C-alpha atoms as a PDB file:
ATOM      1  CA  MET A   1     -38.430 -62.868  21.295  1.00  0.00           C
ATOM      2  CA  ASN A   2     -39.748 -63.633  17.854  1.00  0.00           C
ATOM      3  CA  ALA A   3     -40.045 -67.402  17.657  1.00  0.00           C
ATOM      4  CA  PRO A   4     -38.719 -69.071  14.518  1.00  0.00           C
ATOM      5  CA  ALA A   5     -41.139 -71.380  12.702  1.00  0.00           C
ATOM      6  CA  GLY A   6     -41.525 -74.595  14.680  1.00  0.00           C
ATOM      7  CA  GLY A   7     -40.718 -72.977  18.013  1.00  0.00           C
ATOM      8  CA  CYS A   8     -38.130 -70.764  19.597  1.00  0.00           C
ATOM      9  CA  LEU A   9     -35.719 -73.279  21.095  1.00  0.00           C
ATOM     10  CA  PRO A  10     -33.102 -75.629  19.648  1.00  0.00           C
ATOM     11  CA  GLU A  11     -33.783 -79.322  19.225  1.00  0.00           C
ATOM     12  CA  GLY A  12     -33.582 -81.139  22.538  1.00  0.00           C
ATOM     13  CA  PHE A  13     -35.290 -78.418  24.555  1.00  0.00           C
ATOM     14  CA  ALA A  14     -38.902 -78.830  23.437  1.00  0.00           C
ATOM     15  CA  ASP A  15     -39.968 -79.359  27.054  1.00  0.00           C
ATOM     16  CA  LEU A  16     -39.016 -75.724  27.759  1.00  0.00           C
ATOM     17  CA  GLU A  17     -40.921 -74.380  24.752  1.00  0.00           C
ATOM     18  CA  PRO A  18     -44.120 -73.554  26.720  1.00  0.00           C
ATOM     19  CA  TRP A  19     -42.082 -71.054  28.740  1.00  0.00           C
ATOM     20  CA  ALA A  20     -40.090 -69.438  25.947  1.00  0.00           C
ATOM     21  CA  ALA A  21     -42.637 -67.022  24.470  1.00  0.00           C
ATOM     22  CA  GLU A  22     -43.292 -65.314  27.800  1.00  0.00           C
ATOM     23  CA  TRP A  23     -39.976 -65.715  29.580  1.00  0.00           C
ATOM     24  CA  ALA A  24     -37.139 -65.635  26.989  1.00  0.00           C
ATOM     25  CA  LEU A  25     -36.502 -61.911  27.299  1.00  0.00           C
ATOM     26  CA  GLU A  26     -33.533 -60.368  25.519  1.00  0.00           C
ATOM     27  CA  THR A  27     -32.609 -57.492  27.831  1.00  0.00           C
ATOM     28  CA  GLU A  28     -31.587 -57.274  31.458  1.00  0.00           C
ATOM     29  CA  GLU A  29     -34.162 -54.545  31.970  1.00  0.00           C
ATOM     30  CA  ALA A  30     -36.969 -56.734  30.601  1.00  0.00           C
ATOM     31  CA  ARG A  31     -35.897 -59.679  32.767  1.00  0.00           C
ATOM     32  CA  ALA A  32     -35.661 -57.596  35.931  1.00  0.00           C
ATOM     33  CA  GLY A  33     -39.045 -56.028  35.206  1.00  0.00           C
ATOM     34  CA  LYS A  34     -40.582 -59.440  34.598  1.00  0.00           C
ATOM     35  CA  ARG A  35     -39.212 -60.770  37.882  1.00  0.00           C
ATOM     36  CA  VAL A  36     -40.479 -57.944  40.050  1.00  0.00           C
ATOM     37  CA  SER A  37     -43.884 -57.762  38.326  1.00  0.00           C
ATOM     38  CA  THR A  38     -44.623 -61.491  38.441  1.00  0.00           C
ATOM     39  CA  PRO A  39     -46.450 -62.941  41.453  1.00  0.00           C
ATOM     40  CA  ILE A  40     -44.147 -65.185  43.474  1.00  0.00           C
ATOM     41  CA  ALA A  41     -46.326 -68.270  42.889  1.00  0.00           C
ATOM     42  CA  LYS A  42     -45.951 -67.906  39.107  1.00  0.00           C
ATOM     43  CA  LEU A  43     -42.233 -67.233  39.460  1.00  0.00           C
ATOM     44  CA  ARG A  44     -41.892 -70.418  41.541  1.00  0.00           C
ATOM     45  CA  GLU A  45     -43.797 -72.392  38.888  1.00  0.00           C
ATOM     46  CA  PHE A  46     -41.499 -71.090  36.138  1.00  0.00           C
ATOM     47  CA  HIS A  47     -38.374 -71.774  38.173  1.00  0.00           C
ATOM     48  CA  ALA A  48     -39.485 -75.278  39.180  1.00  0.00           C
ATOM     49  CA  ALA A  49     -40.172 -76.196  35.558  1.00  0.00           C
ATOM     50  CA  THR A  50     -37.001 -74.744  34.057  1.00  0.00           C
ATOM     51  CA  PHE A  51     -34.207 -74.826  36.634  1.00  0.00           C
ATOM     52  CA  PRO A  52     -33.745 -78.624  36.562  1.00  0.00           C
ATOM     53  CA  ARG A  53     -32.834 -78.334  32.847  1.00  0.00           C
ATOM     54  CA  MET A  54     -30.140 -75.707  33.348  1.00  0.00           C
ATOM     55  CA  ASP A  55     -27.268 -78.222  33.482  1.00  0.00           C
ATOM     56  CA  ALA A  56     -28.228 -79.491  30.018  1.00  0.00           C
ATOM     57  CA  VAL A  57     -28.745 -75.923  28.792  1.00  0.00           C
ATOM     58  CA  MET A  58     -25.272 -74.894  30.001  1.00  0.00           C
ATOM     59  CA  VAL A  59     -23.641 -77.948  28.416  1.00  0.00           C
ATOM     60  CA  TYR A  60     -25.325 -77.046  25.120  1.00  0.00           C
ATOM     61  CA  LEU A  61     -24.547 -73.317  25.312  1.00  0.00           C
ATOM     62  CA  ASN A  62     -20.903 -74.060  26.116  1.00  0.00           C
ATOM     63  CA  THR A  63     -20.558 -75.609  22.649  1.00  0.00           C
ATOM     64  CA  LEU A  64     -21.447 -72.277  21.004  1.00  0.00           C
ATOM     65  CA  PRO A  65     -19.502 -69.038  20.478  1.00  0.00           C
ATOM     66  CA  ASN A  66     -19.116 -66.972  23.617  1.00  0.00           C
ATOM     67  CA  ASP A  67     -20.867 -64.032  21.971  1.00  0.00           C
ATOM     68  CA  PRO A  68     -24.660 -63.785  22.355  1.00  0.00           C
ATOM     69  CA  GLY A  69     -24.791 -61.552  19.282  1.00  0.00           C
ATOM     70  CA  ALA A  70     -23.324 -64.341  17.156  1.00  0.00           C
ATOM     71  CA  LEU A  71     -25.884 -66.959  18.182  1.00  0.00           C
ATOM     72  CA  ALA A  72     -28.463 -68.406  15.806  1.00  0.00           C
ATOM     73  CA  PRO A  73     -32.051 -67.343  16.652  1.00  0.00           C
ATOM     74  CA  ARG A  74     -32.964 -70.595  18.437  1.00  0.00           C
ATOM     75  CA  ASP A  75     -29.734 -70.556  20.447  1.00  0.00           C
ATOM     76  CA  LYS A  76     -30.285 -66.912  21.326  1.00  0.00           C
ATOM     77  CA  CYS A  77     -33.787 -67.786  22.573  1.00  0.00           C
ATOM     78  CA  LEU A  78     -32.369 -70.553  24.795  1.00  0.00           C
ATOM     79  CA  PHE A  79     -29.701 -68.182  26.100  1.00  0.00           C
ATOM     80  CA  ALA A  80     -32.340 -65.565  26.957  1.00  0.00           C
ATOM     81  CA  LEU A  81     -34.492 -68.173  28.687  1.00  0.00           C
ATOM     82  CA  ALA A  82     -31.498 -69.334  30.745  1.00  0.00           C
ATOM     83  CA  GLN A  83     -30.792 -65.746  31.767  1.00  0.00           C
ATOM     84  CA  MET A  84     -34.386 -65.407  32.953  1.00  0.00           C
ATOM     85  CA  VAL A  85     -34.080 -68.614  34.968  1.00  0.00           C
ATOM     86  CA  MET A  86     -31.068 -67.095  36.720  1.00  0.00           C
ATOM     87  CA  GLU A  87     -33.004 -63.871  37.309  1.00  0.00           C
ATOM     88  CA  ALA A  88     -35.833 -65.888  38.863  1.00  0.00           C
ATOM     89  CA  SER A  89     -33.402 -67.865  41.017  1.00  0.00           C
ATOM     90  CA  ALA A  90     -32.643 -65.072  43.498  1.00  0.00           C
ATOM     91  CA  PRO A  91     -36.107 -65.046  45.101  1.00  0.00           C
ATOM     92  CA  MET A  92     -36.082 -68.869  45.187  1.00  0.00           C
ATOM     93  CA  ASP A  93     -32.591 -69.220  46.646  1.00  0.00           C
ATOM     94  CA  LEU A  94     -33.212 -66.506  49.224  1.00  0.00           C
ATOM     95  CA  GLN A  95     -36.703 -67.849  50.014  1.00  0.00           C
ATOM     96  CA  TRP A  96     -38.433 -64.535  49.479  1.00  0.00           C
ATOM     97  CA  ASP A  97     -42.178 -64.263  50.086  1.00  0.00           C
ATOM     98  CA  THR A  98     -42.550 -61.960  47.078  1.00  0.00           C
ATOM     99  CA  SER A  99     -40.805 -61.604  43.732  1.00  0.00           C
ATOM    100  CA  ASP A 100     -39.200 -58.373  44.921  1.00  0.00           C
ATOM    101  CA  ILE A 101     -38.172 -57.099  48.312  1.00  0.00           C
ATOM    102  CA  GLU A 102     -39.469 -53.998  49.982  1.00  0.00           C
ATOM    103  CA  ASP A 103     -37.345 -51.002  50.865  1.00  0.00           C
ATOM    104  CA  VAL A 104     -34.875 -51.335  47.995  1.00  0.00           C
ATOM    105  CA  PHE A 105     -33.812 -48.992  45.252  1.00  0.00           C
ATOM    106  CA  PRO A 106     -36.922 -48.540  43.081  1.00  0.00           C
ATOM    107  CA  MET A 107     -36.888 -50.260  39.688  1.00  0.00           C
ATOM    108  CA  GLU A 108     -38.177 -47.159  37.928  1.00  0.00           C
ATOM    109  CA  ARG A 109     -35.010 -45.314  38.991  1.00  0.00           C
ATOM    110  CA  MET A 110     -32.642 -48.013  37.751  1.00  0.00           C
ATOM    111  CA  LYS A 111     -30.736 -47.398  34.551  1.00  0.00           C
ATOM    112  CA  PHE A 112     -29.824 -50.491  32.570  1.00  0.00           C
ATOM    113  CA  LEU A 113     -26.804 -50.271  30.314  1.00  0.00           C
ATOM    114  CA  SER A 114     -26.142 -52.462  27.327  1.00  0.00           C
ATOM    115  CA  LEU A 115     -22.797 -53.485  25.943  1.00  0.00           C
ATOM    116  CA  PRO A 116     -21.822 -52.205  22.506  1.00  0.00           C
ATOM    117  CA  GLY A 117     -22.918 -54.580  19.762  1.00  0.00           C
ATOM    118  CA  ARG A 118     -25.626 -56.264  21.820  1.00  0.00           C
END
């Protein structure tokens, strides 16, 4: 995402700023690609640093319109970062040894659809 001047995230989330430039990805396809292409150790580091803040992120996001397209740039960046945290959670929750599992439908054959207006 293009970071607004002074950082990408809203006030109160400066501790997550070091992760935003690399991990706040706007599309499902970008997030899925990032997850499967990132070494598990780096994915664990990202998850460990960001997941504990998700309660506060959800409380904040729940005060905003329920339309990602209507969010201000900083709020949209936080929303995208939260989505990436959830994407990274599957390998953590399932205790995978890698960021992807073998013998699954190949990513390059997946077709990602977007909703109209997003």
